[in-house]
Amino acid sequence: MILTTTDGVEGRRIVEYKGLVAGQAIYGANFMKDFFAGIRDVVGGRSGGYEKVVAGGRQAALEDMAEQARALGADAVIGIDLDFETMGGKGSMLMVSATGTAVKLG
């Protein structure tokens, strides 16, 4: 499955638009991650725990989206948009969503 943020795949022709596909992943942040992330923010370091959660959320959302595209008989998803949002009390949850257009390539 080809996944791209562009509106096409270089060297390939789109022969059919299968429709809009999306994938979401929602992760809750536990107290210890929040505590240590706060400490790292104060001293200016990076938050490895949150970086792993964001990367995992992005991958899960893309995989869910690609699975929807496969079910529609698509070869690729074009025009992918990734969104990251915090939700819940005090932003205690992270939602990652991926959307794109499933297409059949020639």
N, C-alpha and C. Protein backbone atom coordinates (compact mmCIF):
# COMPACT_ATOMS: atom_id res chain seq x y z
N MET A 1 0.85 -1.18 0.00
CA MET A 1 0.00 0.00 0.00
C MET A 1 0.89 1.23 0.00
N ILE A 2 0.71 2.08 -1.00
CA ILE A 2 1.45 3.34 -1.07
C ILE A 2 0.67 4.39 -0.29
N LEU A 3 1.35 5.06 0.62
CA LEU A 3 0.75 6.13 1.42
C LEU A 3 1.53 7.41 1.14
N THR A 4 0.82 8.48 0.74
CA THR A 4 1.52 9.71 0.40
C THR A 4 0.66 10.94 0.73
N THR A 5 1.35 12.02 1.05
CA THR A 5 0.65 13.28 1.31
C THR A 5 0.39 14.05 0.01
N THR A 6 0.99 13.61 -1.08
CA THR A 6 0.81 14.29 -2.37
C THR A 6 -0.51 13.89 -3.00
N ASP A 7 -0.89 14.59 -4.09
CA ASP A 7 -2.17 14.31 -4.74
C ASP A 7 -2.10 13.25 -5.83
N GLY A 8 -0.98 12.55 -5.89
CA GLY A 8 -0.80 11.48 -6.87
C GLY A 8 0.45 10.69 -6.54
N VAL A 9 0.71 9.67 -7.36
CA VAL A 9 1.91 8.85 -7.21
C VAL A 9 2.71 9.00 -8.50
N GLU A 10 3.91 9.54 -8.38
CA GLU A 10 4.73 9.80 -9.56
C GLU A 10 4.88 8.54 -10.41
N GLY A 11 4.64 8.72 -11.71
CA GLY A 11 4.80 7.61 -12.65
C GLY A 11 3.62 6.65 -12.69
N ARG A 12 2.60 6.89 -11.89
CA ARG A 12 1.42 6.02 -11.86
C ARG A 12 0.18 6.85 -12.14
N ARG A 13 -0.77 6.25 -12.82
CA ARG A 13 -2.02 6.93 -13.15
C ARG A 13 -3.12 6.45 -12.23
N ILE A 14 -3.92 7.37 -11.74
CA ILE A 14 -5.07 7.00 -10.92
C ILE A 14 -6.19 6.60 -11.87
N VAL A 15 -6.69 5.38 -11.70
CA VAL A 15 -7.75 4.89 -12.59
C VAL A 15 -9.11 4.87 -11.91
N GLU A 16 -9.10 4.93 -10.57
CA GLU A 16 -10.37 4.93 -9.85
C GLU A 16 -10.18 5.51 -8.46
N TYR A 17 -11.12 6.36 -8.08
CA TYR A 17 -11.15 6.89 -6.72
C TYR A 17 -12.09 6.01 -5.91
N LYS A 18 -11.58 5.43 -4.84
CA LYS A 18 -12.38 4.50 -4.03
C LYS A 18 -13.11 5.20 -2.89
N GLY A 19 -12.63 6.36 -2.47
CA GLY A 19 -13.31 7.10 -1.42
C GLY A 19 -12.38 7.54 -0.30
N LEU A 20 -12.97 8.28 0.60
CA LEU A 20 -12.26 8.80 1.77
C LEU A 20 -12.04 7.69 2.78
N VAL A 21 -10.84 7.62 3.33
CA VAL A 21 -10.53 6.65 4.37
C VAL A 21 -9.89 7.38 5.55
N ALA A 22 -10.04 6.82 6.73
CA ALA A 22 -9.52 7.46 7.94
C ALA A 22 -9.10 6.41 8.95
N GLY A 23 -8.18 6.78 9.78
CA GLY A 23 -7.75 5.95 10.90
C GLY A 23 -7.51 6.84 12.10
N GLN A 24 -7.84 6.33 13.27
CA GLN A 24 -7.63 7.10 14.50
C GLN A 24 -6.96 6.23 15.55
N ALA A 25 -6.23 6.89 16.41
CA ALA A 25 -5.64 6.23 17.57
C ALA A 25 -5.74 7.22 18.73
N ILE A 26 -6.20 6.73 19.87
CA ILE A 26 -6.32 7.58 21.05
C ILE A 26 -5.54 6.93 22.18
N TYR A 27 -4.67 7.70 22.79
CA TYR A 27 -3.83 7.20 23.87
C TYR A 27 -4.02 8.05 25.12
N GLY A 28 -4.11 7.40 26.26
CA GLY A 28 -4.16 8.09 27.54
C GLY A 28 -2.75 8.19 28.10
N ALA A 29 -2.46 9.32 28.70
CA ALA A 29 -1.14 9.51 29.31
C ALA A 29 -1.26 9.24 30.81
N ASN A 30 -0.41 8.36 31.32
CA ASN A 30 -0.50 8.05 32.74
C ASN A 30 0.23 9.08 33.60
N PHE A 31 -0.01 9.03 34.86
CA PHE A 31 0.52 10.02 35.80
C PHE A 31 2.05 10.10 35.76
N MET A 32 2.75 8.99 35.74
CA MET A 32 4.22 9.02 35.78
C MET A 32 4.79 9.67 34.53
N LYS A 33 4.22 9.38 33.36
CA LYS A 33 4.70 10.02 32.14
C LYS A 33 4.50 11.53 32.24
N ASP A 34 3.31 11.94 32.73
CA ASP A 34 3.03 13.37 32.88
C ASP A 34 4.04 14.02 33.83
N PHE A 35 4.32 13.35 34.94
CA PHE A 35 5.23 13.89 35.94
C PHE A 35 6.64 14.06 35.36
N PHE A 36 7.17 13.01 34.72
CA PHE A 36 8.52 13.09 34.19
C PHE A 36 8.60 14.01 32.97
N ALA A 37 7.54 14.09 32.18
CA ALA A 37 7.52 15.02 31.06
C ALA A 37 7.58 16.45 31.57
N GLY A 38 6.87 16.74 32.66
CA GLY A 38 6.90 18.07 33.26
C GLY A 38 8.30 18.44 33.71
N ILE A 39 8.99 17.50 34.32
CA ILE A 39 10.37 17.75 34.78
C ILE A 39 11.27 18.03 33.57
N ARG A 40 11.15 17.23 32.52
CA ARG A 40 11.99 17.44 31.34
C ARG A 40 11.70 18.79 30.69
N ASP A 41 10.42 19.19 30.69
CA ASP A 41 10.07 20.48 30.11
C ASP A 41 10.74 21.62 30.88
N VAL A 42 10.82 21.50 32.19
CA VAL A 42 11.44 22.54 33.02
C VAL A 42 12.92 22.66 32.72
N VAL A 43 13.61 21.55 32.55
CA VAL A 43 15.05 21.60 32.31
C VAL A 43 15.39 21.67 30.83
N GLY A 44 14.39 21.67 29.97
CA GLY A 44 14.63 21.89 28.55
C GLY A 44 14.95 20.64 27.75
N GLY A 45 14.79 19.47 28.32
CA GLY A 45 15.07 18.25 27.59
C GLY A 45 13.89 17.78 26.77
N ARG A 46 14.09 16.73 26.02
CA ARG A 46 13.02 16.14 25.22
C ARG A 46 12.30 15.09 26.04
N SER A 47 11.03 14.89 25.75
CA SER A 47 10.22 13.91 26.44
C SER A 47 10.14 12.63 25.60
N GLY A 48 11.06 11.72 25.86
CA GLY A 48 11.12 10.47 25.10
C GLY A 48 9.85 9.66 25.20
N GLY A 49 9.20 9.67 26.37
CA GLY A 49 7.96 8.92 26.55
C GLY A 49 6.87 9.43 25.64
N TYR A 50 6.70 10.74 25.59
CA TYR A 50 5.67 11.32 24.72
C TYR A 50 6.02 11.15 23.25
N GLU A 51 7.30 11.25 22.91
CA GLU A 51 7.70 11.07 21.52
C GLU A 51 7.34 9.66 21.05
N LYS A 52 7.51 8.67 21.90
CA LYS A 52 7.16 7.29 21.55
C LYS A 52 5.65 7.15 21.38
N VAL A 53 4.88 7.80 22.26
CA VAL A 53 3.42 7.74 22.16
C VAL A 53 2.95 8.38 20.86
N VAL A 54 3.51 9.54 20.52
CA VAL A 54 3.13 10.23 19.28
C VAL A 54 3.49 9.38 18.06
N ALA A 55 4.69 8.82 18.03
CA ALA A 55 5.11 7.98 16.91
C ALA A 55 4.23 6.74 16.80
N GLY A 56 3.92 6.13 17.93
CA GLY A 56 3.06 4.94 17.92
C GLY A 56 1.65 5.28 17.47
N GLY A 57 1.14 6.42 17.90
CA GLY A 57 -0.19 6.86 17.48
C GLY A 57 -0.25 7.14 16.00
N ARG A 58 0.77 7.80 15.48
CA ARG A 58 0.83 8.07 14.03
C ARG A 58 0.83 6.77 13.24
N GLN A 59 1.66 5.82 13.66
CA GLN A 59 1.76 4.54 12.95
C GLN A 59 0.43 3.78 13.01
N ALA A 60 -0.20 3.75 14.18
CA ALA A 60 -1.48 3.04 14.33
C ALA A 60 -2.57 3.67 13.47
N ALA A 61 -2.63 5.00 13.43
CA ALA A 61 -3.64 5.68 12.62
C ALA A 61 -3.42 5.41 11.14
N LEU A 62 -2.16 5.44 10.69
CA LEU A 62 -1.86 5.14 9.29
C LEU A 62 -2.20 3.69 8.93
N GLU A 63 -1.90 2.77 9.84
CA GLU A 63 -2.22 1.36 9.58
C GLU A 63 -3.72 1.14 9.49
N ASP A 64 -4.49 1.77 10.38
CA ASP A 64 -5.96 1.66 10.32
C ASP A 64 -6.49 2.21 9.00
N MET A 65 -5.96 3.35 8.59
CA MET A 65 -6.39 3.97 7.34
C MET A 65 -6.05 3.08 6.15
N ALA A 66 -4.84 2.52 6.13
CA ALA A 66 -4.42 1.64 5.05
C ALA A 66 -5.29 0.38 4.99
N GLU A 67 -5.69 -0.13 6.14
CA GLU A 67 -6.55 -1.32 6.18
C GLU A 67 -7.92 -1.01 5.56
N GLN A 68 -8.46 0.16 5.84
CA GLN A 68 -9.72 0.57 5.21
C GLN A 68 -9.56 0.65 3.70
N ALA A 69 -8.44 1.21 3.25
CA ALA A 69 -8.19 1.33 1.82
C ALA A 69 -8.08 -0.04 1.16
N ARG A 70 -7.39 -0.98 1.80
CA ARG A 70 -7.29 -2.34 1.27
C ARG A 70 -8.66 -2.98 1.12
N ALA A 71 -9.51 -2.77 2.11
CA ALA A 71 -10.86 -3.33 2.08
C ALA A 71 -11.67 -2.78 0.90
N LEU A 72 -11.34 -1.58 0.45
CA LEU A 72 -12.01 -0.98 -0.70
C LEU A 72 -11.37 -1.39 -2.03
N GLY A 73 -10.28 -2.13 -1.97
CA GLY A 73 -9.58 -2.56 -3.19
C GLY A 73 -8.60 -1.53 -3.72
N ALA A 74 -8.15 -0.62 -2.87
CA ALA A 74 -7.23 0.43 -3.29
C ALA A 74 -5.78 -0.05 -3.29
N ASP A 75 -4.96 0.62 -4.11
CA ASP A 75 -3.51 0.37 -4.16
C ASP A 75 -2.73 1.42 -3.38
N ALA A 76 -3.38 2.57 -3.16
CA ALA A 76 -2.68 3.69 -2.54
C ALA A 76 -3.68 4.59 -1.82
N VAL A 77 -3.13 5.41 -0.92
CA VAL A 77 -3.90 6.48 -0.29
C VAL A 77 -3.13 7.76 -0.56
N ILE A 78 -3.81 8.72 -1.18
CA ILE A 78 -3.17 9.99 -1.52
C ILE A 78 -3.75 11.12 -0.69
N GLY A 79 -3.05 12.24 -0.68
CA GLY A 79 -3.55 13.42 0.03
C GLY A 79 -3.70 13.21 1.52
N ILE A 80 -2.82 12.44 2.12
CA ILE A 80 -2.94 12.11 3.55
C ILE A 80 -2.70 13.36 4.40
N ASP A 81 -3.57 13.51 5.39
CA ASP A 81 -3.44 14.57 6.38
C ASP A 81 -3.39 13.93 7.76
N LEU A 82 -2.42 14.31 8.54
CA LEU A 82 -2.29 13.83 9.92
C LEU A 82 -2.62 14.96 10.88
N ASP A 83 -3.46 14.66 11.86
CA ASP A 83 -3.82 15.63 12.88
C ASP A 83 -3.55 15.05 14.25
N PHE A 84 -3.04 15.89 15.15
CA PHE A 84 -2.75 15.52 16.53
C PHE A 84 -3.53 16.46 17.43
N GLU A 85 -4.33 15.90 18.32
CA GLU A 85 -5.15 16.71 19.23
C GLU A 85 -5.05 16.15 20.64
N THR A 86 -5.09 17.04 21.62
CA THR A 86 -5.21 16.58 23.00
C THR A 86 -6.67 16.69 23.39
N MET A 87 -7.10 15.78 24.23
CA MET A 87 -8.49 15.77 24.67
C MET A 87 -8.56 15.23 26.08
N GLY A 88 -9.73 15.27 26.67
CA GLY A 88 -9.89 14.80 28.04
C GLY A 88 -9.50 15.88 29.03
N GLY A 89 -9.67 15.56 30.31
CA GLY A 89 -9.33 16.50 31.37
C GLY A 89 -7.87 16.88 31.34
N LYS A 90 -7.57 18.17 31.27
CA LYS A 90 -6.20 18.69 31.25
C LYS A 90 -5.37 18.11 30.11
N GLY A 91 -6.01 17.77 29.00
CA GLY A 91 -5.28 17.24 27.86
C GLY A 91 -4.62 15.91 28.15
N SER A 92 -5.29 15.07 28.93
CA SER A 92 -4.70 13.82 29.38
C SER A 92 -4.70 12.73 28.32
N MET A 93 -5.30 12.99 27.17
CA MET A 93 -5.33 11.98 26.11
C MET A 93 -4.86 12.61 24.81
N LEU A 94 -4.22 11.81 23.99
CA LEU A 94 -3.74 12.25 22.69
C LEU A 94 -4.51 11.49 21.62
N MET A 95 -5.09 12.23 20.66
CA MET A 95 -5.76 11.60 19.53
C MET A 95 -4.97 11.91 18.27
N VAL A 96 -4.66 10.87 17.51
CA VAL A 96 -4.00 11.02 16.23
C VAL A 96 -4.97 10.54 15.18
N SER A 97 -5.22 11.35 14.16
CA SER A 97 -6.09 10.91 13.09
C SER A 97 -5.39 11.11 11.75
N ALA A 98 -5.62 10.15 10.86
CA ALA A 98 -5.06 10.20 9.51
C ALA A 98 -6.23 10.05 8.54
N THR A 99 -6.29 10.94 7.55
CA THR A 99 -7.32 10.86 6.53
C THR A 99 -6.67 10.99 5.16
N GLY A 100 -7.29 10.39 4.17
CA GLY A 100 -6.78 10.47 2.81
C GLY A 100 -7.80 9.90 1.84
N THR A 101 -7.44 9.89 0.58
CA THR A 101 -8.29 9.37 -0.48
C THR A 101 -7.71 8.05 -0.99
N ALA A 102 -8.51 7.00 -0.91
CA ALA A 102 -8.09 5.68 -1.40
C ALA A 102 -8.27 5.66 -2.92
N VAL A 103 -7.25 5.18 -3.64
CA VAL A 103 -7.30 5.14 -5.09
C VAL A 103 -6.78 3.81 -5.61
N LYS A 104 -7.21 3.49 -6.82
CA LYS A 104 -6.70 2.35 -7.58
C LYS A 104 -5.77 2.91 -8.64
N LEU A 105 -4.57 2.37 -8.73
CA LEU A 105 -3.56 2.85 -9.68
C LEU A 105 -3.53 1.97 -10.92
N GLY A 106 -3.16 2.60 -12.04
CA GLY A 106 -3.02 1.85 -13.29
C GLY A 106 -1.60 1.51 -13.57
